[in-house]
Amino acid sequence: MTRSAPDMSAEPDFEQRVRASFERQPAMKLIGAELVRIAPGEVEIVLPYRPEITQQHGFVHAGMIGAALDSACGYAALTVMPAGTGILTIEYKLNCLAPGVGERIRLVGRVRKPGRTILLVEGEALAVAADGAQKLVATMTATEMTIRGREGIVD
């Protein structure tokens, strides 16, 4: 039996909706995260290195990586949702694999299993060095829930 690929179709205005929602998110502004790429089922955020988001050893704090990776996963899910819906994370698991050391951290969220109500999304955080070399520093598995008809949550 051959399994078909998950439906990653997106409405025509999905990119504009994701960008507008990201701009309304003060937490990402606080840590300096930038939305750099949006495609159906996939979003990339960049977190530039700043001393204000590090822990005591100078590594980007895992909490900052987790917050930005959660946003990448949530927005990846939103790209495949119809207009008039929102997305909320209902669970995630963050695996820290190496210290967050580099000029920036790339955070990529990818929808693995879309659904009408529940979506499974995977993410990866890659530290990018000055020479462009990348190292996987964290992975995430997130469960996202579609929200409909709740004022203030629809994007």
N, C-alpha and C. Protein backbone atom coordinates (compact mmCIF):
# COMPACT_ATOMS: atom_id res chain seq x y z
N MET A 1 0.84 -1.18 0.00
CA MET A 1 0.00 0.00 0.00
C MET A 1 0.89 1.24 0.00
N THR A 2 0.65 2.15 -0.91
CA THR A 2 1.40 3.39 -0.99
C THR A 2 0.65 4.48 -0.24
N ARG A 3 1.38 5.18 0.61
CA ARG A 3 0.76 6.27 1.37
C ARG A 3 0.98 7.56 0.61
N SER A 4 -0.07 8.35 0.52
CA SER A 4 0.05 9.64 -0.16
C SER A 4 0.68 10.66 0.79
N ALA A 5 1.28 11.67 0.21
CA ALA A 5 1.89 12.74 1.00
C ALA A 5 0.80 13.53 1.71
N PRO A 6 1.11 14.07 2.89
CA PRO A 6 0.12 14.89 3.60
C PRO A 6 -0.26 16.11 2.77
N ASP A 7 -1.50 16.54 2.90
CA ASP A 7 -1.97 17.71 2.18
C ASP A 7 -1.37 18.97 2.81
N MET A 8 -0.52 19.65 2.06
CA MET A 8 0.12 20.88 2.53
C MET A 8 -0.37 22.07 1.73
N SER A 9 -1.60 21.97 1.22
CA SER A 9 -2.12 23.10 0.46
C SER A 9 -2.35 24.27 1.41
N ALA A 10 -2.21 25.45 0.86
CA ALA A 10 -2.37 26.66 1.66
C ALA A 10 -3.25 27.63 0.91
N GLU A 11 -3.97 28.45 1.67
CA GLU A 11 -4.79 29.49 1.05
C GLU A 11 -3.88 30.57 0.48
N PRO A 12 -4.36 31.31 -0.51
CA PRO A 12 -3.51 32.30 -1.17
C PRO A 12 -2.87 33.34 -0.25
N ASP A 13 -3.54 33.72 0.83
CA ASP A 13 -3.01 34.77 1.70
C ASP A 13 -2.26 34.24 2.92
N PHE A 14 -1.87 32.95 2.92
CA PHE A 14 -1.26 32.36 4.11
C PHE A 14 -0.01 33.10 4.56
N GLU A 15 0.82 33.53 3.62
CA GLU A 15 2.07 34.19 4.00
C GLU A 15 1.79 35.52 4.70
N GLN A 16 0.86 36.28 4.18
CA GLN A 16 0.51 37.57 4.79
C GLN A 16 -0.06 37.37 6.19
N ARG A 17 -0.92 36.34 6.37
CA ARG A 17 -1.49 36.07 7.70
C ARG A 17 -0.41 35.69 8.70
N VAL A 18 0.57 34.86 8.28
CA VAL A 18 1.65 34.45 9.18
C VAL A 18 2.50 35.66 9.56
N ARG A 19 2.87 36.47 8.57
CA ARG A 19 3.69 37.65 8.85
C ARG A 19 2.98 38.62 9.81
N ALA A 20 1.71 38.86 9.58
CA ALA A 20 0.95 39.78 10.43
C ALA A 20 0.86 39.25 11.86
N SER A 21 0.65 37.97 12.01
CA SER A 21 0.58 37.37 13.34
C SER A 21 1.93 37.46 14.04
N PHE A 22 3.00 37.14 13.34
CA PHE A 22 4.34 37.19 13.93
C PHE A 22 4.65 38.61 14.40
N GLU A 23 4.25 39.61 13.63
CA GLU A 23 4.51 41.01 14.01
C GLU A 23 3.77 41.41 15.29
N ARG A 24 2.70 40.70 15.62
CA ARG A 24 1.94 41.01 16.84
C ARG A 24 2.47 40.25 18.06
N GLN A 25 3.58 39.54 17.91
CA GLN A 25 4.08 38.70 18.99
C GLN A 25 5.23 39.40 19.74
N PRO A 26 4.96 40.02 20.88
CA PRO A 26 6.00 40.75 21.62
C PRO A 26 7.15 39.86 22.10
N ALA A 27 6.90 38.61 22.40
CA ALA A 27 7.96 37.73 22.90
C ALA A 27 9.07 37.57 21.87
N MET A 28 8.72 37.42 20.61
CA MET A 28 9.74 37.27 19.57
C MET A 28 10.52 38.57 19.37
N LYS A 29 9.83 39.71 19.48
CA LYS A 29 10.53 41.00 19.41
C LYS A 29 11.51 41.13 20.57
N LEU A 30 11.09 40.72 21.76
CA LEU A 30 11.92 40.82 22.95
C LEU A 30 13.24 40.08 22.79
N ILE A 31 13.20 38.89 22.21
CA ILE A 31 14.44 38.11 22.07
C ILE A 31 15.16 38.37 20.75
N GLY A 32 14.58 39.20 19.88
CA GLY A 32 15.25 39.57 18.63
C GLY A 32 15.04 38.60 17.49
N ALA A 33 14.04 37.72 17.58
CA ALA A 33 13.78 36.73 16.53
C ALA A 33 13.22 37.40 15.28
N GLU A 34 13.61 36.88 14.11
CA GLU A 34 13.17 37.42 12.82
C GLU A 34 12.57 36.30 11.98
N LEU A 35 11.42 36.56 11.41
CA LEU A 35 10.77 35.61 10.50
C LEU A 35 11.42 35.79 9.13
N VAL A 36 12.06 34.74 8.61
CA VAL A 36 12.81 34.90 7.36
C VAL A 36 12.26 34.10 6.18
N ARG A 37 11.48 33.05 6.44
CA ARG A 37 10.98 32.25 5.31
C ARG A 37 9.66 31.59 5.69
N ILE A 38 8.73 31.63 4.72
CA ILE A 38 7.41 31.02 4.91
C ILE A 38 7.07 30.25 3.64
N ALA A 39 6.71 29.00 3.80
CA ALA A 39 6.26 28.16 2.69
C ALA A 39 5.13 27.28 3.23
N PRO A 40 4.30 26.71 2.37
CA PRO A 40 3.26 25.82 2.88
C PRO A 40 3.86 24.68 3.72
N GLY A 41 3.49 24.65 4.99
CA GLY A 41 3.96 23.60 5.89
C GLY A 41 5.33 23.82 6.48
N GLU A 42 5.96 24.97 6.22
CA GLU A 42 7.32 25.19 6.74
C GLU A 42 7.57 26.69 6.99
N VAL A 43 8.21 26.96 8.13
CA VAL A 43 8.56 28.33 8.51
C VAL A 43 9.96 28.33 9.08
N GLU A 44 10.72 29.39 8.77
CA GLU A 44 12.06 29.56 9.34
C GLU A 44 12.15 30.91 10.05
N ILE A 45 12.68 30.85 11.26
CA ILE A 45 12.93 32.03 12.09
C ILE A 45 14.42 32.05 12.38
N VAL A 46 15.01 33.23 12.44
CA VAL A 46 16.42 33.38 12.81
C VAL A 46 16.50 34.14 14.12
N LEU A 47 17.34 33.65 14.99
CA LEU A 47 17.58 34.27 16.29
C LEU A 47 19.05 34.69 16.33
N PRO A 48 19.33 35.99 16.10
CA PRO A 48 20.72 36.45 16.14
C PRO A 48 21.30 36.32 17.55
N TYR A 49 22.59 36.01 17.61
CA TYR A 49 23.26 35.93 18.92
C TYR A 49 23.27 37.31 19.55
N ARG A 50 22.85 37.37 20.81
CA ARG A 50 22.92 38.59 21.61
C ARG A 50 23.21 38.17 23.04
N PRO A 51 24.10 38.84 23.74
CA PRO A 51 24.42 38.47 25.12
C PRO A 51 23.18 38.43 26.03
N GLU A 52 22.17 39.24 25.72
CA GLU A 52 20.96 39.31 26.57
C GLU A 52 20.14 38.03 26.55
N ILE A 53 20.37 37.13 25.60
CA ILE A 53 19.57 35.90 25.55
C ILE A 53 20.41 34.67 25.86
N THR A 54 21.56 34.87 26.50
CA THR A 54 22.44 33.75 26.82
C THR A 54 22.28 33.33 28.27
N GLN A 55 22.83 32.16 28.57
CA GLN A 55 22.91 31.70 29.94
C GLN A 55 24.31 32.02 30.48
N GLN A 56 24.64 31.51 31.65
CA GLN A 56 25.86 31.91 32.35
C GLN A 56 27.17 31.54 31.63
N HIS A 57 27.13 30.60 30.67
CA HIS A 57 28.34 30.20 29.96
C HIS A 57 28.47 30.89 28.60
N GLY A 58 27.52 31.76 28.28
CA GLY A 58 27.57 32.47 27.01
C GLY A 58 26.86 31.77 25.86
N PHE A 59 26.21 30.62 26.14
CA PHE A 59 25.44 29.91 25.11
C PHE A 59 24.04 30.54 25.04
N VAL A 60 23.43 30.53 23.85
CA VAL A 60 22.05 30.97 23.76
C VAL A 60 21.23 30.05 24.67
N HIS A 61 20.46 30.65 25.55
CA HIS A 61 19.70 29.89 26.55
C HIS A 61 18.71 28.94 25.88
N ALA A 62 18.62 27.72 26.37
CA ALA A 62 17.71 26.73 25.80
C ALA A 62 16.26 27.22 25.83
N GLY A 63 15.91 28.02 26.83
CA GLY A 63 14.56 28.57 26.89
C GLY A 63 14.28 29.51 25.74
N MET A 64 15.27 30.27 25.31
CA MET A 64 15.10 31.18 24.18
C MET A 64 14.98 30.37 22.88
N ILE A 65 15.82 29.34 22.76
CA ILE A 65 15.74 28.47 21.58
C ILE A 65 14.38 27.78 21.55
N GLY A 66 13.94 27.27 22.69
CA GLY A 66 12.65 26.60 22.75
C GLY A 66 11.49 27.52 22.40
N ALA A 67 11.52 28.75 22.89
CA ALA A 67 10.45 29.70 22.59
C ALA A 67 10.39 30.00 21.09
N ALA A 68 11.55 30.26 20.48
CA ALA A 68 11.57 30.58 19.06
C ALA A 68 11.22 29.36 18.21
N LEU A 69 11.66 28.18 18.63
CA LEU A 69 11.34 26.96 17.88
C LEU A 69 9.84 26.64 18.00
N ASP A 70 9.25 26.91 19.16
CA ASP A 70 7.81 26.75 19.33
C ASP A 70 7.07 27.66 18.35
N SER A 71 7.54 28.89 18.19
CA SER A 71 6.90 29.80 17.23
C SER A 71 7.06 29.29 15.80
N ALA A 72 8.25 28.80 15.45
CA ALA A 72 8.46 28.27 14.10
C ALA A 72 7.50 27.11 13.83
N CYS A 73 7.35 26.23 14.80
CA CYS A 73 6.44 25.09 14.63
C CYS A 73 4.99 25.56 14.53
N GLY A 74 4.58 26.46 15.39
CA GLY A 74 3.21 26.96 15.36
C GLY A 74 2.88 27.66 14.05
N TYR A 75 3.80 28.49 13.58
CA TYR A 75 3.55 29.18 12.33
C TYR A 75 3.60 28.25 11.14
N ALA A 76 4.42 27.21 11.19
CA ALA A 76 4.39 26.20 10.12
C ALA A 76 3.00 25.58 10.04
N ALA A 77 2.41 25.28 11.20
CA ALA A 77 1.05 24.73 11.23
C ALA A 77 0.04 25.73 10.67
N LEU A 78 0.20 27.00 11.02
CA LEU A 78 -0.75 28.02 10.56
C LEU A 78 -0.75 28.14 9.04
N THR A 79 0.38 27.87 8.39
CA THR A 79 0.45 28.00 6.92
C THR A 79 -0.52 27.08 6.20
N VAL A 80 -0.90 25.98 6.82
CA VAL A 80 -1.80 25.03 6.15
C VAL A 80 -3.23 25.09 6.68
N MET A 81 -3.51 26.08 7.50
CA MET A 81 -4.85 26.26 8.06
C MET A 81 -5.62 27.30 7.27
N PRO A 82 -6.94 27.16 7.20
CA PRO A 82 -7.74 28.15 6.47
C PRO A 82 -7.79 29.49 7.21
N ALA A 83 -8.09 30.53 6.46
CA ALA A 83 -8.29 31.85 7.07
C ALA A 83 -9.39 31.74 8.13
N GLY A 84 -9.27 32.54 9.17
CA GLY A 84 -10.27 32.52 10.22
C GLY A 84 -9.99 31.51 11.31
N THR A 85 -8.82 30.87 11.26
CA THR A 85 -8.44 29.94 12.32
C THR A 85 -7.16 30.42 12.98
N GLY A 86 -6.90 29.91 14.14
CA GLY A 86 -5.66 30.16 14.85
C GLY A 86 -5.04 28.85 15.25
N ILE A 87 -3.84 28.92 15.76
CA ILE A 87 -3.11 27.72 16.19
C ILE A 87 -2.58 27.97 17.60
N LEU A 88 -2.71 26.99 18.46
CA LEU A 88 -2.09 27.02 19.78
C LEU A 88 -1.33 25.72 19.99
N THR A 89 -0.15 25.83 20.59
CA THR A 89 0.63 24.64 20.95
C THR A 89 -0.03 24.00 22.16
N ILE A 90 -0.27 22.70 22.09
CA ILE A 90 -0.83 22.01 23.25
C ILE A 90 0.20 21.09 23.93
N GLU A 91 1.33 20.87 23.24
CA GLU A 91 2.39 20.05 23.84
C GLU A 91 3.62 20.15 22.97
N TYR A 92 4.79 20.18 23.61
CA TYR A 92 6.02 20.03 22.84
C TYR A 92 7.11 19.39 23.68
N LYS A 93 8.04 18.77 22.96
CA LYS A 93 9.21 18.17 23.58
C LYS A 93 10.42 18.76 22.90
N LEU A 94 11.31 19.31 23.73
CA LEU A 94 12.54 19.92 23.23
C LEU A 94 13.71 19.03 23.63
N ASN A 95 14.51 18.64 22.65
CA ASN A 95 15.73 17.89 22.91
C ASN A 95 16.91 18.81 22.64
N CYS A 96 17.69 19.11 23.68
CA CYS A 96 18.89 19.92 23.53
C CYS A 96 20.05 18.98 23.23
N LEU A 97 20.70 19.20 22.09
CA LEU A 97 21.72 18.28 21.62
C LEU A 97 23.14 18.83 21.73
N ALA A 98 23.27 20.15 21.72
CA ALA A 98 24.58 20.81 21.78
C ALA A 98 24.36 22.25 22.22
N PRO A 99 25.40 22.90 22.73
CA PRO A 99 25.26 24.31 23.12
C PRO A 99 24.91 25.20 21.94
N GLY A 100 24.10 26.21 22.20
CA GLY A 100 23.72 27.18 21.18
C GLY A 100 24.81 28.22 21.01
N VAL A 101 25.79 27.89 20.19
CA VAL A 101 26.95 28.77 19.96
C VAL A 101 27.04 29.09 18.48
N GLY A 102 27.05 30.37 18.14
CA GLY A 102 27.18 30.78 16.75
C GLY A 102 26.75 32.23 16.59
N GLU A 103 26.82 32.70 15.36
CA GLU A 103 26.38 34.07 15.08
C GLU A 103 24.87 34.18 15.15
N ARG A 104 24.20 33.08 14.85
CA ARG A 104 22.74 33.06 14.90
C ARG A 104 22.27 31.61 15.02
N ILE A 105 21.01 31.48 15.39
CA ILE A 105 20.37 30.18 15.44
C ILE A 105 19.24 30.18 14.41
N ARG A 106 19.26 29.19 13.51
CA ARG A 106 18.17 28.99 12.54
C ARG A 106 17.17 28.03 13.17
N LEU A 107 15.90 28.41 13.15
CA LEU A 107 14.85 27.60 13.73
C LEU A 107 13.84 27.29 12.64
N VAL A 108 13.70 26.02 12.32
CA VAL A 108 12.84 25.60 11.21
C VAL A 108 11.75 24.68 11.74
N GLY A 109 10.50 25.03 11.46
CA GLY A 109 9.36 24.19 11.81
C GLY A 109 8.76 23.61 10.55
N ARG A 110 8.45 22.30 10.58
CA ARG A 110 7.87 21.61 9.42
C ARG A 110 6.68 20.75 9.85
N VAL A 111 5.57 20.93 9.18
CA VAL A 111 4.39 20.11 9.45
C VAL A 111 4.67 18.70 8.96
N ARG A 112 4.51 17.73 9.84
CA ARG A 112 4.71 16.32 9.47
C ARG A 112 3.38 15.61 9.27
N LYS A 113 2.36 15.99 10.03
CA LYS A 113 1.04 15.35 9.92
C LYS A 113 -0.02 16.43 10.10
N PRO A 114 -0.52 16.96 8.97
CA PRO A 114 -1.57 17.96 9.09
C PRO A 114 -2.89 17.31 9.46
N GLY A 115 -3.75 18.07 10.04
CA GLY A 115 -5.09 17.59 10.39
C GLY A 115 -6.02 18.77 10.51
N ARG A 116 -7.30 18.48 10.55
CA ARG A 116 -8.29 19.55 10.66
C ARG A 116 -8.25 20.21 12.03
N THR A 117 -7.96 19.42 13.07
CA THR A 117 -7.96 19.94 14.44
C THR A 117 -6.59 19.83 15.10
N ILE A 118 -5.90 18.71 14.91
CA ILE A 118 -4.60 18.47 15.54
C ILE A 118 -3.55 18.26 14.45
N LEU A 119 -2.39 18.90 14.64
CA LEU A 119 -1.29 18.77 13.69
C LEU A 119 -0.03 18.38 14.44
N LEU A 120 0.79 17.54 13.83
CA LEU A 120 2.09 17.18 14.39
C LEU A 120 3.14 17.95 13.59
N VAL A 121 4.00 18.67 14.31
CA VAL A 121 5.03 19.50 13.68
C VAL A 121 6.37 19.16 14.30
N GLU A 122 7.41 19.12 13.48
CA GLU A 122 8.77 18.89 13.97
C GLU A 122 9.61 20.12 13.70
N GLY A 123 10.56 20.38 14.58
CA GLY A 123 11.42 21.53 14.41
C GLY A 123 12.86 21.18 14.67
N GLU A 124 13.73 22.01 14.12
CA GLU A 124 15.16 21.87 14.41
C GLU A 124 15.77 23.24 14.56
N ALA A 125 16.73 23.32 15.47
CA ALA A 125 17.49 24.54 15.70
C ALA A 125 18.93 24.26 15.30
N LEU A 126 19.45 25.11 14.43
CA LEU A 126 20.82 24.95 13.94
C LEU A 126 21.63 26.20 14.27
N ALA A 127 22.74 26.01 14.94
CA ALA A 127 23.65 27.13 15.21
C ALA A 127 24.46 27.37 13.94
N VAL A 128 24.54 28.63 13.53
CA VAL A 128 25.26 28.99 12.32
C VAL A 128 26.50 29.80 12.72
N ALA A 129 27.68 29.28 12.34
CA ALA A 129 28.96 29.93 12.66
C ALA A 129 29.24 31.05 11.65
N ALA A 130 30.26 31.84 11.93
CA ALA A 130 30.65 32.96 11.06
C ALA A 130 30.99 32.48 9.65
N ASP A 131 31.54 31.28 9.52
CA ASP A 131 31.91 30.76 8.20
C ASP A 131 30.74 30.06 7.49
N GLY A 132 29.55 30.09 8.10
CA GLY A 132 28.37 29.47 7.50
C GLY A 132 28.14 28.03 7.90
N ALA A 133 29.10 27.42 8.60
CA ALA A 133 28.92 26.04 9.06
C ALA A 133 27.74 25.98 10.03
N GLN A 134 26.98 24.89 9.94
CA GLN A 134 25.81 24.73 10.79
C GLN A 134 25.93 23.48 11.65
N LYS A 135 25.39 23.58 12.85
CA LYS A 135 25.40 22.45 13.78
C LYS A 135 24.02 22.34 14.41
N LEU A 136 23.46 21.13 14.38
CA LEU A 136 22.16 20.89 15.01
C LEU A 136 22.31 20.99 16.52
N VAL A 137 21.55 21.91 17.14
CA VAL A 137 21.66 22.10 18.59
C VAL A 137 20.41 21.67 19.35
N ALA A 138 19.27 21.57 18.66
CA ALA A 138 18.04 21.14 19.35
C ALA A 138 17.03 20.65 18.32
N THR A 139 16.15 19.77 18.77
CA THR A 139 15.02 19.33 17.97
C THR A 139 13.76 19.48 18.80
N MET A 140 12.64 19.56 18.13
CA MET A 140 11.35 19.70 18.82
C MET A 140 10.31 18.86 18.10
N THR A 141 9.44 18.26 18.87
CA THR A 141 8.22 17.65 18.35
C THR A 141 7.09 18.39 19.04
N ALA A 142 6.18 18.96 18.24
CA ALA A 142 5.10 19.77 18.80
C ALA A 142 3.75 19.29 18.30
N THR A 143 2.77 19.35 19.17
CA THR A 143 1.38 19.09 18.81
C THR A 143 0.66 20.42 18.83
N GLU A 144 0.04 20.75 17.70
CA GLU A 144 -0.65 22.04 17.56
C GLU A 144 -2.14 21.78 17.41
N MET A 145 -2.93 22.70 17.96
CA MET A 145 -4.38 22.58 17.91
C MET A 145 -4.97 23.76 17.15
N THR A 146 -5.91 23.47 16.27
CA THR A 146 -6.61 24.51 15.53
C THR A 146 -7.67 25.15 16.43
N ILE A 147 -7.72 26.46 16.40
CA ILE A 147 -8.71 27.22 17.17
C ILE A 147 -9.64 27.92 16.19
N ARG A 148 -10.93 27.75 16.41
CA ARG A 148 -11.94 28.41 15.57
C ARG A 148 -12.95 29.09 16.49
N GLY A 149 -13.40 30.27 16.09
CA GLY A 149 -14.50 30.91 16.78
C GLY A 149 -14.18 31.47 18.16
N ARG A 150 -12.90 31.70 18.46
CA ARG A 150 -12.54 32.29 19.76
C ARG A 150 -11.91 33.65 19.52
N GLU A 151 -12.58 34.67 19.96
CA GLU A 151 -12.12 36.04 19.76
C GLU A 151 -10.72 36.23 20.33
N GLY A 152 -9.87 36.90 19.56
CA GLY A 152 -8.51 37.18 20.00
C GLY A 152 -7.50 36.08 19.70
N ILE A 153 -7.95 34.93 19.23
CA ILE A 153 -7.02 33.84 18.94
C ILE A 153 -6.93 33.56 17.44
N VAL A 154 -7.91 33.97 16.68
CA VAL A 154 -7.92 33.72 15.24
C VAL A 154 -6.92 34.64 14.56
N ASP A 155 -6.11 34.08 13.65
CA ASP A 155 -5.14 34.86 12.88
C ASP A 155 -5.64 35.14 11.48
